[in-house]
Amino acid sequence: MRTQIIGVMDNPFEYINKPIKQVPPELKAKVMSDIAMAKLIMEIAELFSYNFAHIIETVSSKRKKD
């Protein structure tokens, strides 16, 4: 029974040297659109968030000058 279970399992390393399959253009467009939207949201969030490292560096450098 055990050898049957092992025989049924696929070896993922068999797929390494095989050529990559092309995806449908609709799916590729959808994925690229989703990635672009995620990137846009991240950039907008960065605009409205504080860069704490820069703030700490600025405050500490101004204190050293005084």
PDB file of N, CA and C in Angstrom:
ATOM      1  N   MET A   1       0.822  -1.194   0.000  1.00  0.00           N
ATOM      2  CA  MET A   1       0.000   0.000   0.000  1.00  0.00           C
ATOM      3  C   MET A   1       0.869   1.263   0.000  1.00  0.00           C
ATOM      4  N   ARG A   2       1.976   1.219   0.740  1.00  0.00           N
ATOM      5  CA  ARG A   2       2.831   2.402   0.833  1.00  0.00           C
ATOM      6  C   ARG A   2       3.479   2.741  -0.506  1.00  0.00           C
ATOM      7  N   THR A   3       3.920   1.752  -1.268  1.00  0.00           N
ATOM      8  CA  THR A   3       4.549   2.029  -2.557  1.00  0.00           C
ATOM      9  C   THR A   3       3.551   2.622  -3.539  1.00  0.00           C
ATOM     10  N   GLN A   4       2.292   2.309  -3.410  1.00  0.00           N
ATOM     11  CA  GLN A   4       1.286   2.895  -4.297  1.00  0.00           C
ATOM     12  C   GLN A   4       1.137   4.393  -4.026  1.00  0.00           C
ATOM     13  N   ILE A   5       1.188   4.779  -2.766  1.00  0.00           N
ATOM     14  CA  ILE A   5       1.055   6.197  -2.423  1.00  0.00           C
ATOM     15  C   ILE A   5       2.260   6.975  -2.947  1.00  0.00           C
ATOM     16  N   ILE A   6       3.455   6.423  -2.783  1.00  0.00           N
ATOM     17  CA  ILE A   6       4.661   7.099  -3.261  1.00  0.00           C
ATOM     18  C   ILE A   6       4.651   7.166  -4.783  1.00  0.00           C
ATOM     19  N   GLY A   7       4.180   6.136  -5.440  1.00  0.00           N
ATOM     20  CA  GLY A   7       4.143   6.129  -6.896  1.00  0.00           C
ATOM     21  C   GLY A   7       3.172   7.149  -7.468  1.00  0.00           C
ATOM     22  N   VAL A   8       2.130   7.478  -6.746  1.00  0.00           N
ATOM     23  CA  VAL A   8       1.122   8.425  -7.217  1.00  0.00           C
ATOM     24  C   VAL A   8       1.608   9.864  -7.088  1.00  0.00           C
ATOM     25  N   MET A   9       2.467  10.142  -6.124  1.00  0.00           N
ATOM     26  CA  MET A   9       2.939  11.501  -5.887  1.00  0.00           C
ATOM     27  C   MET A   9       3.840  11.968  -7.027  1.00  0.00           C
ATOM     28  N   ASP A  10       3.700  13.233  -7.398  1.00  0.00           N
ATOM     29  CA  ASP A  10       4.558  13.807  -8.433  1.00  0.00           C
ATOM     30  C   ASP A  10       5.850  14.313  -7.812  1.00  0.00           C
ATOM     31  N   ASN A  11       6.904  14.201  -8.567  1.00  0.00           N
ATOM     32  CA  ASN A  11       8.191  14.731  -8.143  1.00  0.00           C
ATOM     33  C   ASN A  11       8.290  16.157  -8.688  1.00  0.00           C
ATOM     34  N   PRO A  12       8.292  17.181  -7.832  1.00  0.00           N
ATOM     35  CA  PRO A  12       8.315  18.562  -8.334  1.00  0.00           C
ATOM     36  C   PRO A  12       9.607  18.911  -9.062  1.00  0.00           C
ATOM     37  N   PHE A  13      10.691  18.174  -8.810  1.00  0.00           N
ATOM     38  CA  PHE A  13      11.958  18.473  -9.467  1.00  0.00           C
ATOM     39  C   PHE A  13      11.972  18.045 -10.934  1.00  0.00           C
ATOM     40  N   GLU A  14      10.997  17.242 -11.350  1.00  0.00           N
ATOM     41  CA  GLU A  14      10.918  16.854 -12.756  1.00  0.00           C
ATOM     42  C   GLU A  14      10.535  18.035 -13.637  1.00  0.00           C
ATOM     43  N   TYR A  15       9.906  19.055 -13.075  1.00  0.00           N
ATOM     44  CA  TYR A  15       9.423  20.186 -13.860  1.00  0.00           C
ATOM     45  C   TYR A  15      10.460  21.294 -14.006  1.00  0.00           C
ATOM     46  N   ILE A  16      11.616  21.171 -13.376  1.00  0.00           N
ATOM     47  CA  ILE A  16      12.612  22.238 -13.400  1.00  0.00           C
ATOM     48  C   ILE A  16      13.183  22.448 -14.805  1.00  0.00           C
ATOM     49  N   ASN A  17      13.536  21.398 -15.494  1.00  0.00           N
ATOM     50  CA  ASN A  17      14.187  21.530 -16.793  1.00  0.00           C
ATOM     51  C   ASN A  17      13.210  21.610 -17.962  1.00  0.00           C
ATOM     52  N   LYS A  18      11.923  21.589 -17.700  1.00  0.00           N
ATOM     53  CA  LYS A  18      10.940  21.674 -18.771  1.00  0.00           C
ATOM     54  C   LYS A  18      10.693  23.134 -19.124  1.00  0.00           C
ATOM     55  N   PRO A  19      10.328  23.413 -20.382  1.00  0.00           N
ATOM     56  CA  PRO A  19      10.071  24.808 -20.770  1.00  0.00           C
ATOM     57  C   PRO A  19       8.847  25.378 -20.046  1.00  0.00           C
ATOM     58  N   ILE A  20       8.879  26.681 -19.838  1.00  0.00           N
ATOM     59  CA  ILE A  20       7.786  27.366 -19.158  1.00  0.00           C
ATOM     60  C   ILE A  20       6.609  27.480 -20.117  1.00  0.00           C
ATOM     61  N   LYS A  21       5.417  27.203 -19.613  1.00  0.00           N
ATOM     62  CA  LYS A  21       4.212  27.310 -20.431  1.00  0.00           C
ATOM     63  C   LYS A  21       3.740  28.753 -20.459  1.00  0.00           C
ATOM     64  N   GLN A  22       3.197  29.149 -21.594  1.00  0.00           N
ATOM     65  CA  GLN A  22       2.643  30.490 -21.732  1.00  0.00           C
ATOM     66  C   GLN A  22       1.259  30.548 -21.095  1.00  0.00           C
ATOM     67  N   VAL A  23       0.974  31.652 -20.441  1.00  0.00           N
ATOM     68  CA  VAL A  23      -0.347  31.832 -19.838  1.00  0.00           C
ATOM     69  C   VAL A  23      -1.236  32.576 -20.826  1.00  0.00           C
ATOM     70  N   PRO A  24      -2.536  32.448 -20.687  1.00  0.00           N
ATOM     71  CA  PRO A  24      -3.440  33.190 -21.575  1.00  0.00           C
ATOM     72  C   PRO A  24      -3.252  34.703 -21.397  1.00  0.00           C
ATOM     73  N   PRO A  25      -3.364  35.448 -22.479  1.00  0.00           N
ATOM     74  CA  PRO A  25      -3.157  36.908 -22.396  1.00  0.00           C
ATOM     75  C   PRO A  25      -4.111  37.600 -21.423  1.00  0.00           C
ATOM     76  N   GLU A  26      -5.348  37.093 -21.307  1.00  0.00           N
ATOM     77  CA  GLU A  26      -6.304  37.714 -20.385  1.00  0.00           C
ATOM     78  C   GLU A  26      -5.834  37.572 -18.938  1.00  0.00           C
ATOM     79  N   LEU A  27      -5.336  36.390 -18.609  1.00  0.00           N
ATOM     80  CA  LEU A  27      -4.857  36.142 -17.254  1.00  0.00           C
ATOM     81  C   LEU A  27      -3.621  36.979 -16.962  1.00  0.00           C
ATOM     82  N   LYS A  28      -2.717  37.067 -17.927  1.00  0.00           N
ATOM     83  CA  LYS A  28      -1.505  37.863 -17.749  1.00  0.00           C
ATOM     84  C   LYS A  28      -1.864  39.339 -17.560  1.00  0.00           C
ATOM     85  N   ALA A  29      -2.817  39.841 -18.340  1.00  0.00           N
ATOM     86  CA  ALA A  29      -3.245  41.231 -18.208  1.00  0.00           C
ATOM     87  C   ALA A  29      -3.874  41.482 -16.845  1.00  0.00           C
ATOM     88  N   LYS A  30      -4.678  40.543 -16.366  1.00  0.00           N
ATOM     89  CA  LYS A  30      -5.319  40.684 -15.057  1.00  0.00           C
ATOM     90  C   LYS A  30      -4.280  40.718 -13.938  1.00  0.00           C
ATOM     91  N   VAL A  31      -3.308  39.818 -13.998  1.00  0.00           N
ATOM     92  CA  VAL A  31      -2.260  39.770 -12.970  1.00  0.00           C
ATOM     93  C   VAL A  31      -1.426  41.048 -12.996  1.00  0.00           C
ATOM     94  N   MET A  32      -1.060  41.508 -14.180  1.00  0.00           N
ATOM     95  CA  MET A  32      -0.262  42.729 -14.282  1.00  0.00           C
ATOM     96  C   MET A  32      -1.052  43.942 -13.786  1.00  0.00           C
ATOM     97  N   SER A  33      -2.348  43.970 -14.052  1.00  0.00           N
ATOM     98  CA  SER A  33      -3.204  45.045 -13.564  1.00  0.00           C
ATOM     99  C   SER A  33      -3.282  45.031 -12.045  1.00  0.00           C
ATOM    100  N   ASP A  34      -3.432  43.840 -11.464  1.00  0.00           N
ATOM    101  CA  ASP A  34      -3.488  43.714 -10.007  1.00  0.00           C
ATOM    102  C   ASP A  34      -2.172  44.155  -9.366  1.00  0.00           C
ATOM    103  N   ILE A  35      -1.061  43.804  -9.985  1.00  0.00           N
ATOM    104  CA  ILE A  35       0.251  44.208  -9.459  1.00  0.00           C
ATOM    105  C   ILE A  35       0.404  45.722  -9.537  1.00  0.00           C
ATOM    106  N   ALA A  36      -0.026  46.314 -10.653  1.00  0.00           N
ATOM    107  CA  ALA A  36       0.062  47.769 -10.796  1.00  0.00           C
ATOM    108  C   ALA A  36      -0.807  48.469  -9.758  1.00  0.00           C
ATOM    109  N   MET A  37      -1.987  47.935  -9.489  1.00  0.00           N
ATOM    110  CA  MET A  37      -2.871  48.530  -8.491  1.00  0.00           C
ATOM    111  C   MET A  37      -2.255  48.425  -7.098  1.00  0.00           C
ATOM    112  N   ALA A  38      -1.676  47.286  -6.777  1.00  0.00           N
ATOM    113  CA  ALA A  38      -1.028  47.108  -5.473  1.00  0.00           C
ATOM    114  C   ALA A  38       0.143  48.070  -5.322  1.00  0.00           C
ATOM    115  N   LYS A  39       0.913  48.247  -6.395  1.00  0.00           N
ATOM    116  CA  LYS A  39       2.051  49.167  -6.357  1.00  0.00           C
ATOM    117  C   LYS A  39       1.570  50.605  -6.165  1.00  0.00           C
ATOM    118  N   LEU A  40       0.487  50.974  -6.843  1.00  0.00           N
ATOM    119  CA  LEU A  40      -0.072  52.317  -6.689  1.00  0.00           C
ATOM    120  C   LEU A  40      -0.542  52.558  -5.263  1.00  0.00           C
ATOM    121  N   ILE A  41      -1.230  51.588  -4.679  1.00  0.00           N
ATOM    122  CA  ILE A  41      -1.704  51.719  -3.300  1.00  0.00           C
ATOM    123  C   ILE A  41      -0.532  51.862  -2.338  1.00  0.00           C
ATOM    124  N   MET A  42       0.533  51.090  -2.570  1.00  0.00           N
ATOM    125  CA  MET A  42       1.714  51.184  -1.704  1.00  0.00           C
ATOM    126  C   MET A  42       2.364  52.562  -1.813  1.00  0.00           C
ATOM    127  N   GLU A  43       2.435  53.105  -3.033  1.00  0.00           N
ATOM    128  CA  GLU A  43       3.044  54.418  -3.217  1.00  0.00           C
ATOM    129  C   GLU A  43       2.194  55.520  -2.592  1.00  0.00           C
ATOM    130  N   ILE A  44       0.866  55.415  -2.703  1.00  0.00           N
ATOM    131  CA  ILE A  44      -0.019  56.402  -2.077  1.00  0.00           C
ATOM    132  C   ILE A  44       0.095  56.317  -0.558  1.00  0.00           C
ATOM    133  N   ALA A  45       0.143  55.092  -0.027  1.00  0.00           N
ATOM    134  CA  ALA A  45       0.294  54.924   1.421  1.00  0.00           C
ATOM    135  C   ALA A  45       1.612  55.515   1.894  1.00  0.00           C
ATOM    136  N   GLU A  46       2.642  55.389   1.097  1.00  0.00           N
ATOM    137  CA  GLU A  46       3.943  55.947   1.466  1.00  0.00           C
ATOM    138  C   GLU A  46       3.893  57.469   1.517  1.00  0.00           C
ATOM    139  N   LEU A  47       3.092  58.080   0.661  1.00  0.00           N
ATOM    140  CA  LEU A  47       2.964  59.533   0.678  1.00  0.00           C
ATOM    141  C   LEU A  47       2.336  60.035   1.976  1.00  0.00           C
ATOM    142  N   PHE A  48       1.409  59.274   2.528  1.00  0.00           N
ATOM    143  CA  PHE A  48       0.686  59.712   3.715  1.00  0.00           C
ATOM    144  C   PHE A  48       1.241  59.146   5.014  1.00  0.00           C
ATOM    145  N   SER A  49       2.295  58.371   4.940  1.00  0.00           N
ATOM    146  CA  SER A  49       2.888  57.814   6.161  1.00  0.00           C
ATOM    147  C   SER A  49       4.162  58.585   6.501  1.00  0.00           C
ATOM    148  N   TYR A  50       4.547  58.495   7.747  1.00  0.00           N
ATOM    149  CA  TYR A  50       5.753  59.165   8.203  1.00  0.00           C
ATOM    150  C   TYR A  50       6.967  58.287   7.954  1.00  0.00           C
ATOM    151  N   ASN A  51       8.031  58.939   7.560  1.00  0.00           N
ATOM    152  CA  ASN A  51       9.301  58.248   7.429  1.00  0.00           C
ATOM    153  C   ASN A  51      10.051  58.466   8.746  1.00  0.00           C
ATOM    154  N   PHE A  52       9.837  57.564   9.692  1.00  0.00           N
ATOM    155  CA  PHE A  52      10.359  57.744  11.041  1.00  0.00           C
ATOM    156  C   PHE A  52      11.878  57.808  11.078  1.00  0.00           C
ATOM    157  N   ALA A  53      12.547  57.067  10.232  1.00  0.00           N
ATOM    158  CA  ALA A  53      14.011  57.108  10.230  1.00  0.00           C
ATOM    159  C   ALA A  53      14.499  58.499   9.846  1.00  0.00           C
ATOM    160  N   HIS A  54      13.871  59.095   8.869  1.00  0.00           N
ATOM    161  CA  HIS A  54      14.269  60.442   8.445  1.00  0.00           C
ATOM    162  C   HIS A  54      13.966  61.468   9.538  1.00  0.00           C
ATOM    163  N   ILE A  55      12.831  61.329  10.188  1.00  0.00           N
ATOM    164  CA  ILE A  55      12.454  62.263  11.260  1.00  0.00           C
ATOM    165  C   ILE A  55      13.453  62.179  12.413  1.00  0.00           C
ATOM    166  N   ILE A  56      13.806  60.975  12.831  1.00  0.00           N
ATOM    167  CA  ILE A  56      14.751  60.791  13.931  1.00  0.00           C
ATOM    168  C   ILE A  56      16.117  61.339  13.553  1.00  0.00           C
ATOM    169  N   GLU A  57      16.544  61.087  12.333  1.00  0.00           N
ATOM    170  CA  GLU A  57      17.842  61.591  11.879  1.00  0.00           C
ATOM    171  C   GLU A  57      17.859  63.115  11.849  1.00  0.00           C
ATOM    172  N   THR A  58      16.781  63.730  11.375  1.00  0.00           N
ATOM    173  CA  THR A  58      16.699  65.184  11.301  1.00  0.00           C
ATOM    174  C   THR A  58      16.705  65.809  12.699  1.00  0.00           C
ATOM    175  N   VAL A  59      15.925  65.249  13.596  1.00  0.00           N
ATOM    176  CA  VAL A  59      15.849  65.783  14.962  1.00  0.00           C
ATOM    177  C   VAL A  59      17.193  65.638  15.664  1.00  0.00           C
ATOM    178  N   SER A  60      17.815  64.481  15.524  1.00  0.00           N
ATOM    179  CA  SER A  60      19.098  64.278  16.206  1.00  0.00           C
ATOM    180  C   SER A  60      20.191  65.162  15.619  1.00  0.00           C
ATOM    181  N   SER A  61      20.176  65.388  14.321  1.00  0.00           N
ATOM    182  CA  SER A  61      21.202  66.256  13.730  1.00  0.00           C
ATOM    183  C   SER A  61      20.984  67.710  14.134  1.00  0.00           C
ATOM    184  N   LYS A  62      19.729  68.141  14.278  1.00  0.00           N
ATOM    185  CA  LYS A  62      19.462  69.516  14.718  1.00  0.00           C
ATOM    186  C   LYS A  62      19.856  69.701  16.177  1.00  0.00           C
ATOM    187  N   ARG A  63      19.676  68.665  17.003  1.00  0.00           N
ATOM    188  CA  ARG A  63      20.072  68.767  18.406  1.00  0.00           C
ATOM    189  C   ARG A  63      21.589  68.847  18.551  1.00  0.00           C
ATOM    190  N   LYS A  64      22.306  68.150  17.680  1.00  0.00           N
ATOM    191  CA  LYS A  64      23.768  68.190  17.744  1.00  0.00           C
ATOM    192  C   LYS A  64      24.291  69.568  17.363  1.00  0.00           C
ATOM    193  N   LYS A  65      23.610  70.244  16.433  1.00  0.00           N
ATOM    194  CA  LYS A  65      24.035  71.583  16.007  1.00  0.00           C
ATOM    195  C   LYS A  65      23.809  72.617  17.107  1.00  0.00           C
ATOM    196  N   ASP A  66      22.761  72.452  17.896  1.00  0.00           N
ATOM    197  CA  ASP A  66      22.427  73.429  18.951  1.00  0.00           C
ATOM    198  C   ASP A  66      23.294  73.301  20.136  1.00  0.00           C
TER     199      ASP A  66
END
